[in-house]
Amino acid sequence: MASLDAILWGAAALAYGLGDYVTTVLGVRMAGVQEGNPVVRLISGGDPGPGSFAVLKLVSVALFFATYWVLRPAVARLAVPISLTLLGAVVTVRNVRIIRRRA
């Protein structure tokens, strides 16, 4: 099970961590594109810069990882990285579409 966990967290890191981070930072830097998440806008005071968005990402991943360690049984824990992977993939694709329309 440990190798499956590592694979799922790797996918979550790529999709939610890297994919969403890169496409959000690129999108926000383009004229007329704003952060779509109202919670992120509120916390960052508008549109997040690369540094503040990286901090928000790290904190959110840490909270999800803490939830993962608290959940029992082990099978339920897998829902955390799977959900992050799916969320990250959807948000990344959405961000890419927005960026392509603005380019």
Protein backbone atom coordinates (compact mmCIF):
# COMPACT_ATOMS: atom_id res chain seq x y z
CA MET A 1 0.00 0.00 0.00
CA ALA A 2 2.90 2.38 0.66
CA SER A 3 3.91 2.44 -3.02
CA LEU A 4 0.33 3.19 -4.06
CA ASP A 5 0.26 6.04 -1.55
CA ALA A 6 3.49 7.45 -3.00
CA ILE A 7 2.15 7.23 -6.56
CA LEU A 8 -1.10 8.97 -5.59
CA TRP A 9 0.69 11.74 -3.67
CA GLY A 10 3.07 12.18 -6.60
CA ALA A 11 0.12 12.62 -8.95
CA ALA A 12 -1.47 15.07 -6.49
CA ALA A 13 1.77 17.06 -6.27
CA LEU A 14 2.00 17.27 -10.07
CA ALA A 15 -1.66 18.14 -10.72
CA TYR A 16 -2.68 20.19 -7.67
CA GLY A 17 0.71 21.49 -6.65
CA LEU A 18 2.65 22.14 -9.82
CA GLY A 19 -0.05 22.22 -12.52
CA ASP A 20 -2.42 24.56 -10.71
CA TYR A 21 0.43 26.71 -9.37
CA VAL A 22 2.11 27.27 -12.74
CA THR A 23 -1.08 27.90 -14.69
CA THR A 24 -2.50 30.21 -12.00
CA VAL A 25 0.66 32.29 -11.81
CA LEU A 26 0.82 32.53 -15.62
CA GLY A 27 -2.86 33.39 -15.86
CA VAL A 28 -2.80 36.06 -13.15
CA ARG A 29 0.19 37.73 -14.79
CA MET A 30 -1.77 38.10 -18.05
CA ALA A 31 -3.89 41.21 -18.50
CA GLY A 32 -7.51 40.77 -17.55
CA VAL A 33 -7.18 37.38 -15.85
CA GLN A 34 -8.05 37.23 -12.16
CA GLU A 35 -7.84 34.43 -9.63
CA GLY A 36 -11.15 32.58 -9.76
CA ASN A 37 -11.14 31.23 -6.22
CA PRO A 38 -12.75 33.80 -3.91
CA VAL A 39 -11.04 32.35 -0.84
CA VAL A 40 -7.61 32.72 -2.44
CA ARG A 41 -8.47 36.25 -3.55
CA LEU A 42 -9.56 37.13 -0.01
CA ILE A 43 -6.48 35.67 1.64
CA SER A 44 -4.07 37.17 -0.90
CA GLY A 45 -5.72 40.59 -0.95
CA GLY A 46 -6.65 40.34 -4.63
CA ASP A 47 -4.75 38.26 -7.09
CA PRO A 48 -1.91 36.22 -5.62
CA GLY A 49 1.68 36.76 -6.58
CA PRO A 50 3.99 33.79 -7.13
CA GLY A 51 5.35 33.88 -3.57
CA SER A 52 2.07 34.26 -1.73
CA PHE A 53 0.40 31.66 -3.93
CA ALA A 54 3.25 29.22 -3.26
CA VAL A 55 2.75 29.71 0.48
CA LEU A 56 -1.01 29.16 0.12
CA LYS A 57 -0.37 25.99 -1.89
CA LEU A 58 2.11 24.63 0.65
CA VAL A 59 -0.24 25.33 3.56
CA SER A 60 -3.20 23.72 1.81
CA VAL A 61 -1.18 20.62 0.87
CA ALA A 62 0.09 20.36 4.45
CA LEU A 63 -3.49 20.49 5.75
CA PHE A 64 -4.61 17.83 3.27
CA PHE A 65 -1.63 15.67 4.23
CA ALA A 66 -2.49 16.04 7.92
CA THR A 67 -6.05 14.94 7.15
CA TYR A 68 -4.64 11.97 5.26
CA TRP A 69 -2.68 10.81 8.32
CA VAL A 70 -5.68 11.17 10.64
CA LEU A 71 -8.14 9.18 8.51
CA ARG A 72 -8.78 5.52 9.25
CA PRO A 73 -9.08 2.96 7.67
CA ALA A 74 -6.17 3.22 5.27
CA VAL A 75 -8.45 2.86 2.23
CA ALA A 76 -10.34 6.05 3.21
CA ARG A 77 -7.01 7.86 3.34
CA LEU A 78 -6.51 7.29 -0.37
CA ALA A 79 -9.46 9.57 -1.08
CA VAL A 80 -7.34 12.58 -0.09
CA PRO A 81 -4.60 12.33 -2.75
CA ILE A 82 -7.10 11.06 -5.33
CA SER A 83 -9.33 14.09 -4.70
CA LEU A 84 -6.38 16.48 -4.89
CA THR A 85 -5.26 14.90 -8.17
CA LEU A 86 -8.73 15.24 -9.69
CA LEU A 87 -9.15 18.80 -8.41
CA GLY A 88 -5.71 19.77 -9.65
CA ALA A 89 -6.33 18.26 -13.07
CA VAL A 90 -9.68 20.03 -13.49
CA VAL A 91 -8.33 23.40 -12.33
CA THR A 92 -5.19 23.09 -14.46
CA VAL A 93 -7.20 22.30 -17.60
CA ARG A 94 -9.55 25.19 -16.84
CA ASN A 95 -6.61 27.55 -16.32
CA VAL A 96 -4.99 26.45 -19.60
CA ARG A 97 -8.24 27.09 -21.47
CA ILE A 98 -8.50 30.59 -19.99
CA ILE A 99 -4.88 31.36 -20.81
CA ARG A 100 -5.29 30.11 -24.40
CA ARG A 101 -8.34 32.33 -24.92
CA ARG A 102 -6.41 35.39 -23.67
CA ALA A 103 -3.24 34.69 -25.65
